[in-house]
N, C-alpha and C. Protein backbone atom coordinates (compact mmCIF):
# COMPACT_ATOMS: atom_id res chain seq x y z
N MET A 1 38.81 183.73 160.62
CA MET A 1 38.97 182.75 161.66
C MET A 1 38.82 181.37 161.04
N ASN A 2 39.71 180.48 161.39
CA ASN A 2 39.69 179.14 160.85
C ASN A 2 40.24 178.20 161.92
N MET A 3 39.58 177.12 162.16
CA MET A 3 40.03 176.18 163.16
C MET A 3 40.06 174.79 162.54
N ASN A 4 41.19 174.15 162.60
CA ASN A 4 41.31 172.79 162.09
C ASN A 4 42.26 172.06 163.01
N THR A 5 41.78 171.02 163.67
CA THR A 5 42.58 170.34 164.67
C THR A 5 42.17 168.89 164.78
N THR A 6 43.06 168.06 165.28
CA THR A 6 42.70 166.67 165.53
C THR A 6 42.09 166.52 166.92
N GLU A 7 42.20 167.55 167.75
CA GLU A 7 41.59 167.50 169.07
C GLU A 7 40.10 167.75 168.94
N LEU A 8 39.33 167.12 169.80
CA LEU A 8 37.89 167.29 169.77
C LEU A 8 37.51 168.63 170.38
N MET A 9 36.54 169.29 169.77
CA MET A 9 36.14 170.63 170.21
C MET A 9 35.22 170.52 171.43
N ASN A 10 35.46 171.36 172.42
CA ASN A 10 34.58 171.37 173.58
C ASN A 10 33.49 172.43 173.41
N TRP A 11 32.49 172.36 174.28
CA TRP A 11 31.32 173.23 174.19
C TRP A 11 31.69 174.71 174.29
N GLN A 12 32.57 175.06 175.20
CA GLN A 12 32.90 176.48 175.37
C GLN A 12 33.56 177.04 174.11
N THR A 13 34.40 176.27 173.43
CA THR A 13 35.05 176.72 172.20
C THR A 13 34.03 176.87 171.07
N PHE A 14 33.17 175.86 170.93
CA PHE A 14 32.13 175.90 169.88
C PHE A 14 31.22 177.12 170.08
N LYS A 15 30.77 177.31 171.30
CA LYS A 15 29.87 178.42 171.60
C LYS A 15 30.57 179.77 171.37
N ALA A 16 31.86 179.85 171.66
CA ALA A 16 32.62 181.09 171.43
C ALA A 16 32.61 181.48 169.96
N TYR A 17 32.74 180.50 169.06
CA TYR A 17 32.64 180.79 167.62
C TYR A 17 31.29 181.39 167.28
N LEU A 18 30.24 180.85 167.86
CA LEU A 18 28.90 181.37 167.60
C LEU A 18 28.76 182.79 168.15
N LEU A 19 29.21 183.01 169.37
CA LEU A 19 29.09 184.33 170.00
C LEU A 19 29.86 185.41 169.24
N GLN A 20 30.95 185.03 168.59
CA GLN A 20 31.76 186.00 167.84
C GLN A 20 31.14 186.34 166.48
N ASN A 21 30.13 185.56 166.05
CA ASN A 21 29.58 185.73 164.69
C ASN A 21 28.05 185.66 164.66
N PRO A 22 27.35 186.41 165.52
CA PRO A 22 25.89 186.26 165.60
C PRO A 22 25.15 186.67 164.32
N GLN A 23 25.73 187.52 163.50
CA GLN A 23 25.06 188.03 162.31
C GLN A 23 25.19 187.11 161.10
N LEU A 24 26.03 186.08 161.19
CA LEU A 24 26.26 185.19 160.05
C LEU A 24 25.20 184.08 159.99
N ARG A 25 25.16 183.39 158.85
CA ARG A 25 24.29 182.23 158.65
C ARG A 25 25.08 180.98 159.05
N LEU A 26 24.44 180.08 159.79
CA LEU A 26 25.10 178.88 160.30
C LEU A 26 24.87 177.72 159.32
N GLN A 27 25.95 177.25 158.71
CA GLN A 27 25.90 176.18 157.71
C GLN A 27 26.72 174.98 158.19
N PHE A 28 26.24 173.77 157.87
CA PHE A 28 26.94 172.55 158.24
C PHE A 28 27.22 171.71 156.99
N GLN A 29 28.48 171.31 156.82
CA GLN A 29 28.85 170.41 155.73
C GLN A 29 29.15 169.05 156.35
N TYR A 30 28.39 168.03 155.96
CA TYR A 30 28.53 166.71 156.58
C TYR A 30 29.35 165.72 155.74
N ASN A 31 29.62 166.07 154.49
CA ASN A 31 30.42 165.23 153.61
C ASN A 31 30.96 166.15 152.53
N GLU A 32 31.90 165.70 151.74
CA GLU A 32 32.47 166.53 150.67
C GLU A 32 31.36 167.08 149.79
N ASP A 33 31.22 168.40 149.76
CA ASP A 33 30.20 169.10 148.97
C ASP A 33 28.77 168.67 149.27
N GLN A 34 28.52 168.17 150.46
CA GLN A 34 27.16 167.83 150.90
C GLN A 34 26.85 168.64 152.15
N TRP A 35 25.78 169.43 152.06
CA TRP A 35 25.43 170.37 153.12
C TRP A 35 24.08 170.01 153.72
N VAL A 36 23.96 170.23 155.03
CA VAL A 36 22.65 170.13 155.65
C VAL A 36 21.79 171.19 154.98
N ASP A 37 20.57 170.81 154.57
CA ASP A 37 19.72 171.74 153.85
C ASP A 37 19.49 173.01 154.67
N ALA A 38 19.41 174.14 153.97
CA ALA A 38 19.27 175.45 154.63
C ALA A 38 18.03 175.55 155.51
N SER A 39 17.04 174.69 155.27
CA SER A 39 15.81 174.76 156.07
C SER A 39 15.89 173.96 157.37
N TYR A 40 17.10 173.50 157.74
CA TYR A 40 17.24 172.66 158.94
C TYR A 40 16.74 173.36 160.20
N HIS A 41 16.42 172.54 161.18
CA HIS A 41 16.05 173.01 162.52
C HIS A 41 17.03 172.40 163.51
N ILE A 42 17.29 173.10 164.60
CA ILE A 42 17.98 172.50 165.75
C ILE A 42 16.85 171.96 166.62
N THR A 43 16.70 170.64 166.66
CA THR A 43 15.55 170.05 167.34
C THR A 43 15.78 169.83 168.83
N GLU A 44 17.02 169.57 169.21
CA GLU A 44 17.32 169.43 170.64
C GLU A 44 18.82 169.49 170.85
N ILE A 45 19.18 169.78 172.08
CA ILE A 45 20.58 169.73 172.50
C ILE A 45 20.62 168.79 173.70
N LYS A 46 21.44 167.78 173.58
CA LYS A 46 21.53 166.75 174.62
C LYS A 46 22.87 166.88 175.35
N GLN A 47 22.83 166.60 176.64
CA GLN A 47 24.07 166.49 177.42
C GLN A 47 24.14 165.07 177.93
N ALA A 48 25.16 164.34 177.50
CA ALA A 48 25.26 162.92 177.84
C ALA A 48 26.52 162.64 178.64
N PRO A 49 26.37 162.34 179.94
CA PRO A 49 27.54 161.89 180.70
C PRO A 49 27.85 160.45 180.32
N ILE A 50 29.09 160.18 179.95
CA ILE A 50 29.51 158.85 179.51
C ILE A 50 30.47 158.27 180.54
N THR A 51 30.22 157.04 180.94
CA THR A 51 31.16 156.28 181.76
C THR A 51 31.39 154.97 181.04
N SER A 52 32.65 154.64 180.81
CA SER A 52 32.96 153.42 180.07
C SER A 52 34.10 152.67 180.73
N VAL A 53 34.16 151.39 180.41
CA VAL A 53 35.30 150.56 180.81
C VAL A 53 35.81 149.95 179.51
N ASP A 54 37.10 150.18 179.21
CA ASP A 54 37.65 149.67 177.95
C ASP A 54 38.07 148.22 178.08
N CYS A 55 38.51 147.65 176.98
CA CYS A 55 38.85 146.22 176.91
C CYS A 55 40.05 145.86 177.79
N GLY A 56 40.78 146.86 178.27
CA GLY A 56 41.89 146.62 179.17
C GLY A 56 41.50 146.76 180.63
N GLY A 57 40.20 147.06 180.88
CA GLY A 57 39.70 147.17 182.24
C GLY A 57 39.81 148.56 182.85
N LYS A 58 40.19 149.57 182.06
CA LYS A 58 40.35 150.93 182.60
C LYS A 58 39.05 151.72 182.43
N MET A 59 38.61 152.34 183.50
CA MET A 59 37.38 153.14 183.48
C MET A 59 37.72 154.57 183.05
N SER A 60 36.83 155.16 182.24
CA SER A 60 36.96 156.56 181.80
C SER A 60 35.59 157.21 181.89
N SER A 61 35.59 158.54 181.99
CA SER A 61 34.32 159.26 181.94
C SER A 61 34.54 160.61 181.28
N TRP A 62 33.50 161.07 180.57
CA TRP A 62 33.51 162.37 179.91
C TRP A 62 32.08 162.76 179.63
N THR A 63 31.88 163.97 179.14
CA THR A 63 30.55 164.48 178.81
C THR A 63 30.52 164.85 177.34
N GLU A 64 29.41 164.56 176.69
CA GLU A 64 29.19 164.96 175.31
C GLU A 64 28.01 165.91 175.24
N ILE A 65 28.15 166.95 174.44
CA ILE A 65 27.06 167.88 174.14
C ILE A 65 26.68 167.62 172.69
N ILE A 66 25.47 167.15 172.46
CA ILE A 66 25.04 166.71 171.13
C ILE A 66 23.95 167.65 170.61
N ILE A 67 24.24 168.30 169.49
CA ILE A 67 23.26 169.18 168.84
C ILE A 67 22.62 168.39 167.72
N GLN A 68 21.30 168.20 167.79
CA GLN A 68 20.60 167.43 166.78
C GLN A 68 20.01 168.36 165.73
N LEU A 69 20.32 168.08 164.46
CA LEU A 69 19.80 168.85 163.33
C LEU A 69 18.77 168.00 162.59
N TRP A 70 17.73 168.64 162.06
CA TRP A 70 16.67 167.94 161.34
C TRP A 70 16.31 168.73 160.09
N GLU A 71 16.22 168.02 158.98
CA GLU A 71 15.74 168.62 157.73
C GLU A 71 14.26 168.30 157.59
N PRO A 72 13.40 169.32 157.54
CA PRO A 72 11.97 169.03 157.37
C PRO A 72 11.70 168.48 155.97
N PRO A 73 10.63 167.67 155.82
CA PRO A 73 10.33 167.11 154.50
C PRO A 73 10.01 168.20 153.47
N GLN A 74 9.39 169.27 153.91
CA GLN A 74 9.10 170.39 153.03
C GLN A 74 10.03 171.54 153.41
N LYS A 75 10.84 171.97 152.47
CA LYS A 75 11.75 173.08 152.74
C LYS A 75 10.93 174.31 153.11
N ASP A 76 11.32 174.93 154.21
CA ASP A 76 10.60 176.14 154.62
C ASP A 76 11.51 177.37 154.64
N SER A 77 12.72 177.20 154.09
CA SER A 77 13.64 178.34 154.03
C SER A 77 14.68 178.08 152.95
N GLU A 78 15.08 179.14 152.29
CA GLU A 78 16.16 179.06 151.30
C GLU A 78 17.50 179.46 151.88
N ARG A 79 17.46 180.04 153.08
CA ARG A 79 18.68 180.50 153.74
C ARG A 79 18.79 179.85 155.11
N ALA A 80 19.98 179.46 155.45
CA ALA A 80 20.21 178.82 156.76
C ALA A 80 19.92 179.80 157.88
N MET A 81 19.63 179.25 159.05
CA MET A 81 19.33 180.11 160.20
C MET A 81 20.54 180.98 160.55
N GLU A 82 20.23 182.13 161.09
CA GLU A 82 21.30 183.00 161.58
C GLU A 82 21.87 182.42 162.86
N VAL A 83 23.14 182.67 163.07
CA VAL A 83 23.81 182.22 164.29
C VAL A 83 23.06 182.75 165.51
N SER A 84 22.53 183.97 165.42
CA SER A 84 21.81 184.56 166.56
C SER A 84 20.59 183.70 166.95
N LYS A 85 19.92 183.09 165.95
CA LYS A 85 18.79 182.20 166.27
C LYS A 85 19.29 180.95 166.97
N ALA A 86 20.39 180.37 166.49
CA ALA A 86 20.98 179.21 167.16
C ALA A 86 21.34 179.55 168.60
N LEU A 87 21.89 180.76 168.81
CA LEU A 87 22.24 181.20 170.16
C LEU A 87 21.01 181.34 171.05
N SER A 88 19.89 181.76 170.48
CA SER A 88 18.66 181.87 171.28
C SER A 88 18.16 180.49 171.70
N ILE A 89 18.32 179.50 170.82
CA ILE A 89 17.95 178.12 171.18
C ILE A 89 18.88 177.61 172.28
N ILE A 90 20.17 177.88 172.13
CA ILE A 90 21.14 177.48 173.15
C ILE A 90 20.82 178.12 174.49
N GLN A 91 20.46 179.40 174.48
CA GLN A 91 20.12 180.09 175.73
C GLN A 91 18.90 179.45 176.39
N LEU A 92 17.90 179.11 175.58
CA LEU A 92 16.70 178.44 176.09
C LEU A 92 17.09 177.12 176.76
N VAL A 93 17.96 176.35 176.12
CA VAL A 93 18.41 175.07 176.68
C VAL A 93 19.19 175.31 177.97
N GLU A 94 20.13 176.25 177.94
CA GLU A 94 20.98 176.47 179.13
C GLU A 94 20.23 177.08 180.30
N ASN A 95 19.06 177.68 180.06
CA ASN A 95 18.21 178.15 181.17
C ASN A 95 17.64 176.97 181.94
N VAL A 96 17.48 175.83 181.27
CA VAL A 96 16.92 174.64 181.90
C VAL A 96 18.01 173.64 182.28
N LEU A 97 19.02 173.52 181.41
CA LEU A 97 20.07 172.51 181.59
C LEU A 97 21.44 173.16 181.40
N PRO A 98 22.15 173.45 182.50
CA PRO A 98 23.50 174.01 182.35
C PRO A 98 24.40 173.00 181.63
N LEU A 99 25.03 173.46 180.54
CA LEU A 99 25.86 172.58 179.73
C LEU A 99 27.33 172.66 180.18
N ASN A 100 27.96 171.52 180.27
CA ASN A 100 29.35 171.42 180.71
C ASN A 100 30.24 172.10 179.66
N PRO A 101 30.95 173.18 180.03
CA PRO A 101 31.78 173.89 179.06
C PRO A 101 32.90 173.03 178.47
N LEU A 102 33.31 171.97 179.17
CA LEU A 102 34.37 171.10 178.68
C LEU A 102 33.83 169.86 177.97
N GLY A 103 32.51 169.76 177.84
CA GLY A 103 31.90 168.63 177.14
C GLY A 103 32.29 168.62 175.67
N THR A 104 32.50 167.44 175.13
CA THR A 104 32.86 167.27 173.72
C THR A 104 31.62 167.51 172.85
N VAL A 105 31.77 168.35 171.83
CA VAL A 105 30.63 168.69 170.95
C VAL A 105 30.51 167.66 169.84
N LYS A 106 29.27 167.24 169.61
CA LYS A 106 28.93 166.38 168.48
C LYS A 106 27.69 166.98 167.81
N ILE A 107 27.61 166.81 166.50
CA ILE A 107 26.44 167.21 165.74
C ILE A 107 25.79 165.93 165.24
N GLU A 108 24.51 165.75 165.54
CA GLU A 108 23.78 164.56 165.12
C GLU A 108 22.90 164.94 163.93
N PHE A 109 23.07 164.20 162.84
CA PHE A 109 22.34 164.54 161.63
C PHE A 109 22.19 163.33 160.73
N GLY A 110 21.10 163.32 159.99
CA GLY A 110 20.88 162.32 158.95
C GLY A 110 19.73 162.77 158.07
N ASN A 111 19.69 162.25 156.86
CA ASN A 111 18.56 162.50 155.96
C ASN A 111 18.36 161.25 155.11
N SER A 112 17.52 161.32 154.07
CA SER A 112 17.21 160.12 153.30
C SER A 112 18.41 159.57 152.54
N GLN A 113 19.45 160.38 152.30
CA GLN A 113 20.64 159.90 151.60
C GLN A 113 21.83 159.66 152.53
N PHE A 114 21.67 159.98 153.81
CA PHE A 114 22.80 159.93 154.75
C PHE A 114 22.28 159.42 156.08
N ASP A 115 22.69 158.19 156.46
CA ASP A 115 22.22 157.61 157.71
C ASP A 115 22.56 158.51 158.89
N THR A 116 21.63 158.61 159.83
CA THR A 116 21.84 159.46 161.00
C THR A 116 23.06 158.98 161.77
N ARG A 117 23.91 159.95 162.11
CA ARG A 117 25.11 159.65 162.88
C ARG A 117 25.55 160.90 163.64
N GLN A 118 26.47 160.70 164.55
CA GLN A 118 27.06 161.81 165.29
C GLN A 118 28.42 162.11 164.69
N MET A 119 28.67 163.40 164.47
CA MET A 119 29.92 163.85 163.87
C MET A 119 30.52 164.96 164.72
N TYR A 120 31.81 165.18 164.53
CA TYR A 120 32.52 166.22 165.27
C TYR A 120 32.68 167.47 164.41
N PRO A 121 32.56 168.66 165.00
CA PRO A 121 32.96 169.87 164.28
C PRO A 121 34.49 169.82 164.10
N ALA A 122 34.95 169.68 162.87
CA ALA A 122 36.38 169.54 162.62
C ALA A 122 37.02 170.86 162.23
N GLU A 123 36.27 171.69 161.54
CA GLU A 123 36.79 172.97 161.07
C GLU A 123 35.65 173.97 161.07
N ILE A 124 35.91 175.15 161.55
CA ILE A 124 34.92 176.24 161.53
C ILE A 124 35.58 177.42 160.85
N SER A 125 34.89 177.98 159.86
CA SER A 125 35.47 179.11 159.13
C SER A 125 34.37 180.09 158.74
N VAL A 126 34.78 181.32 158.50
CA VAL A 126 33.88 182.36 158.02
C VAL A 126 34.11 182.50 156.53
N GLN A 127 33.03 182.38 155.76
CA GLN A 127 33.10 182.58 154.31
C GLN A 127 31.91 183.44 153.92
N GLU A 128 32.22 184.68 153.54
CA GLU A 128 31.21 185.68 153.19
C GLU A 128 30.23 185.84 154.34
N GLU A 129 28.95 185.55 154.12
CA GLU A 129 27.95 185.76 155.18
C GLU A 129 27.68 184.50 156.00
N ASN A 130 28.53 183.49 155.87
CA ASN A 130 28.30 182.20 156.52
C ASN A 130 29.37 181.84 157.53
N LEU A 131 28.93 181.21 158.60
CA LEU A 131 29.82 180.53 159.54
C LEU A 131 29.70 179.05 159.17
N LEU A 132 30.74 178.49 158.58
CA LEU A 132 30.72 177.13 158.06
C LEU A 132 31.32 176.16 159.07
N VAL A 133 30.57 175.12 159.36
CA VAL A 133 31.03 174.08 160.27
C VAL A 133 31.19 172.80 159.45
N ASN A 134 32.44 172.40 159.24
CA ASN A 134 32.73 171.15 158.54
C ASN A 134 32.77 170.04 159.57
N LEU A 135 32.02 168.99 159.28
CA LEU A 135 31.90 167.89 160.23
C LEU A 135 32.76 166.71 159.79
N SER A 136 33.33 166.02 160.78
CA SER A 136 34.07 164.79 160.48
C SER A 136 33.38 163.65 161.23
N PRO A 137 33.45 162.45 160.67
CA PRO A 137 32.75 161.32 161.29
C PRO A 137 33.29 160.98 162.66
N ASP A 138 32.41 160.43 163.48
CA ASP A 138 32.83 159.86 164.76
C ASP A 138 33.71 158.65 164.43
N PHE A 139 34.48 158.18 165.37
CA PHE A 139 35.40 157.08 165.09
C PHE A 139 35.46 156.17 166.30
N THR A 140 35.94 154.96 166.06
CA THR A 140 36.18 154.02 167.15
C THR A 140 37.68 153.92 167.38
N GLN A 141 38.04 153.49 168.55
CA GLN A 141 39.46 153.36 168.87
C GLN A 141 39.63 152.31 169.95
N CYS A 142 40.82 151.79 170.07
CA CYS A 142 41.15 150.88 171.16
C CYS A 142 42.00 151.66 172.14
N LYS A 143 41.41 152.03 173.26
CA LYS A 143 42.13 152.84 174.25
C LYS A 143 43.27 152.06 174.89
N ALA A 144 43.08 150.74 175.05
CA ALA A 144 44.16 149.93 175.64
C ALA A 144 45.40 149.96 174.75
N ILE A 145 45.22 149.82 173.44
CA ILE A 145 46.36 149.87 172.53
C ILE A 145 46.99 151.26 172.56
N ASN A 146 46.16 152.31 172.65
CA ASN A 146 46.68 153.68 172.73
C ASN A 146 47.53 153.89 173.98
N ARG A 147 47.30 153.10 175.02
CA ARG A 147 48.10 153.17 176.25
C ARG A 147 49.31 152.24 176.18
N GLY A 148 49.47 151.49 175.07
CA GLY A 148 50.58 150.57 174.95
C GLY A 148 50.22 149.15 175.34
N GLY A 149 48.94 148.88 175.58
CA GLY A 149 48.51 147.53 175.94
C GLY A 149 47.86 146.86 174.75
N SER A 150 47.01 145.89 175.03
CA SER A 150 46.25 145.22 173.99
C SER A 150 44.88 144.89 174.54
N CYS A 151 44.03 144.33 173.70
CA CYS A 151 42.63 144.07 174.09
C CYS A 151 42.48 142.74 174.82
N GLY A 152 41.50 142.69 175.72
CA GLY A 152 41.09 141.43 176.33
C GLY A 152 42.05 140.86 177.33
N THR A 153 42.20 139.55 177.27
CA THR A 153 43.06 138.84 178.20
C THR A 153 44.07 138.01 177.42
N ASN A 154 45.13 137.61 178.09
CA ASN A 154 46.12 136.76 177.40
C ASN A 154 45.68 135.30 177.48
N ASP A 155 46.50 134.41 176.97
CA ASP A 155 46.11 132.99 176.92
C ASP A 155 46.00 132.35 178.30
N LYS A 156 46.49 133.01 179.34
CA LYS A 156 46.37 132.49 180.69
C LYS A 156 45.15 133.07 181.40
N GLY A 157 44.36 133.92 180.67
CA GLY A 157 43.17 134.52 181.26
C GLY A 157 43.47 135.75 182.08
N GLU A 158 44.71 136.24 182.02
CA GLU A 158 45.08 137.43 182.77
C GLU A 158 44.71 138.67 181.97
N GLU A 159 44.43 139.76 182.66
CA GLU A 159 44.13 141.02 181.96
C GLU A 159 45.32 141.40 181.10
N CYS A 160 45.01 141.86 179.90
CA CYS A 160 46.07 142.15 178.95
C CYS A 160 46.96 143.31 179.38
N CYS A 161 46.40 144.24 180.06
CA CYS A 161 47.16 145.46 180.35
C CYS A 161 47.72 145.48 181.77
N ALA A 162 47.55 144.38 182.49
CA ALA A 162 48.08 144.32 183.86
C ALA A 162 49.59 144.15 183.78
N PRO A 163 50.32 144.72 184.73
CA PRO A 163 51.77 144.54 184.71
C PRO A 163 52.12 143.07 184.85
N VAL A 164 53.13 142.66 184.12
CA VAL A 164 53.56 141.26 184.16
C VAL A 164 54.39 141.06 185.43
N GLU A 165 53.97 140.08 186.23
CA GLU A 165 54.72 139.75 187.44
C GLU A 165 55.52 138.48 187.17
N GLU A 166 56.79 138.54 187.52
CA GLU A 166 57.64 137.37 187.33
C GLU A 166 57.29 136.35 188.41
N VAL A 167 56.99 135.14 187.97
CA VAL A 167 56.63 134.08 188.90
C VAL A 167 57.84 133.15 189.04
N LYS A 168 58.31 133.00 190.29
CA LYS A 168 59.45 132.11 190.56
C LYS A 168 58.91 130.71 190.80
N PRO A 169 59.58 129.70 190.23
CA PRO A 169 59.09 128.33 190.45
C PRO A 169 59.27 127.94 191.92
N LYS A 170 58.26 127.23 192.42
CA LYS A 170 58.33 126.77 193.81
C LYS A 170 59.07 125.44 193.84
N ILE A 171 59.97 125.32 194.81
CA ILE A 171 60.73 124.08 194.96
C ILE A 171 60.21 123.38 196.20
N LEU A 172 59.81 122.15 196.00
CA LEU A 172 59.32 121.38 197.14
C LEU A 172 60.51 120.90 197.97
N LEU A 173 60.37 121.00 199.26
CA LEU A 173 61.43 120.59 200.17
C LEU A 173 61.77 119.10 199.97
N SER A 174 60.76 118.31 199.68
CA SER A 174 61.02 116.87 199.49
C SER A 174 61.91 116.64 198.26
N ASN A 175 61.77 117.47 197.21
CA ASN A 175 62.62 117.34 196.03
C ASN A 175 64.05 117.77 196.35
N LEU A 176 64.19 118.79 197.17
CA LEU A 176 65.51 119.27 197.55
C LEU A 176 66.26 118.20 198.33
N LEU A 177 65.56 117.55 199.28
CA LEU A 177 66.18 116.53 200.10
C LEU A 177 66.54 115.29 199.28
N ALA A 178 65.77 115.01 198.27
CA ALA A 178 66.05 113.83 197.45
C ALA A 178 67.35 113.99 196.68
N ASN A 179 67.73 115.21 196.37
CA ASN A 179 68.94 115.47 195.62
C ASN A 179 70.17 115.58 196.52
N GLU A 180 69.96 115.73 197.78
CA GLU A 180 71.06 115.85 198.74
C GLU A 180 71.27 114.49 199.42
N GLN A 181 72.47 114.36 200.00
CA GLN A 181 72.72 113.15 200.77
C GLN A 181 71.79 113.17 201.96
N SER A 182 71.08 112.11 202.15
CA SER A 182 70.10 112.13 203.22
C SER A 182 70.80 111.95 204.57
N CYS A 183 70.25 112.57 205.55
CA CYS A 183 70.81 112.53 206.88
C CYS A 183 69.85 111.71 207.74
N THR A 184 70.20 110.49 207.92
CA THR A 184 69.37 109.61 208.72
C THR A 184 70.15 109.20 209.95
N PRO A 185 69.45 108.81 210.99
CA PRO A 185 70.16 108.41 212.19
C PRO A 185 71.15 107.27 211.91
N GLY A 186 72.33 107.46 212.39
CA GLY A 186 73.36 106.46 212.23
C GLY A 186 74.17 106.62 210.95
N SER A 187 73.85 107.66 210.09
CA SER A 187 74.60 107.80 208.84
C SER A 187 75.87 108.61 209.06
N GLY A 188 75.99 109.26 210.19
CA GLY A 188 77.19 110.02 210.50
C GLY A 188 77.19 111.43 209.96
N CYS A 189 76.10 111.89 209.44
CA CYS A 189 76.08 113.27 208.92
C CYS A 189 75.72 114.26 210.01
N CYS A 190 75.20 113.83 211.12
CA CYS A 190 74.78 114.75 212.17
C CYS A 190 75.80 114.80 213.29
């Protein structure tokens, strides 16, 4: 089994990989040839509802499921935890906090050589006795540009992504009359 996609993995998909491989060891690679130490702990699982408004004024909402990993200062294991142990932690969490199956999965990790950050499971594969989760960095994006708009407001202070309305110039009646022959009493135009 191998999964590699540009789409973000949801909780139900991530958990399905774990359920299919309970006997394997769960390993995380956070950078090229850099692995979370085998003695890691899953310290908490967070469910974060996100509501945002982008630079174009459009509101969005989604849920993130964040698994936090911690390397203890003293290694207490030479082998990574079994997937079955991770599943028991997940079950404990889900008994208290039902997790949104469509929530986007993130893995939060850092150590003395790698600043703590949230990363996405980008690829999951089975290699010998291990279920390997390759992580890719979180990223920023401009959602307005992705919709074909731009950021902020234009030089007139209008929202950048609002539809452009054609404005017709207003003609003052007094200007119209000034250009026409005036009709005054006794001029013979009436």
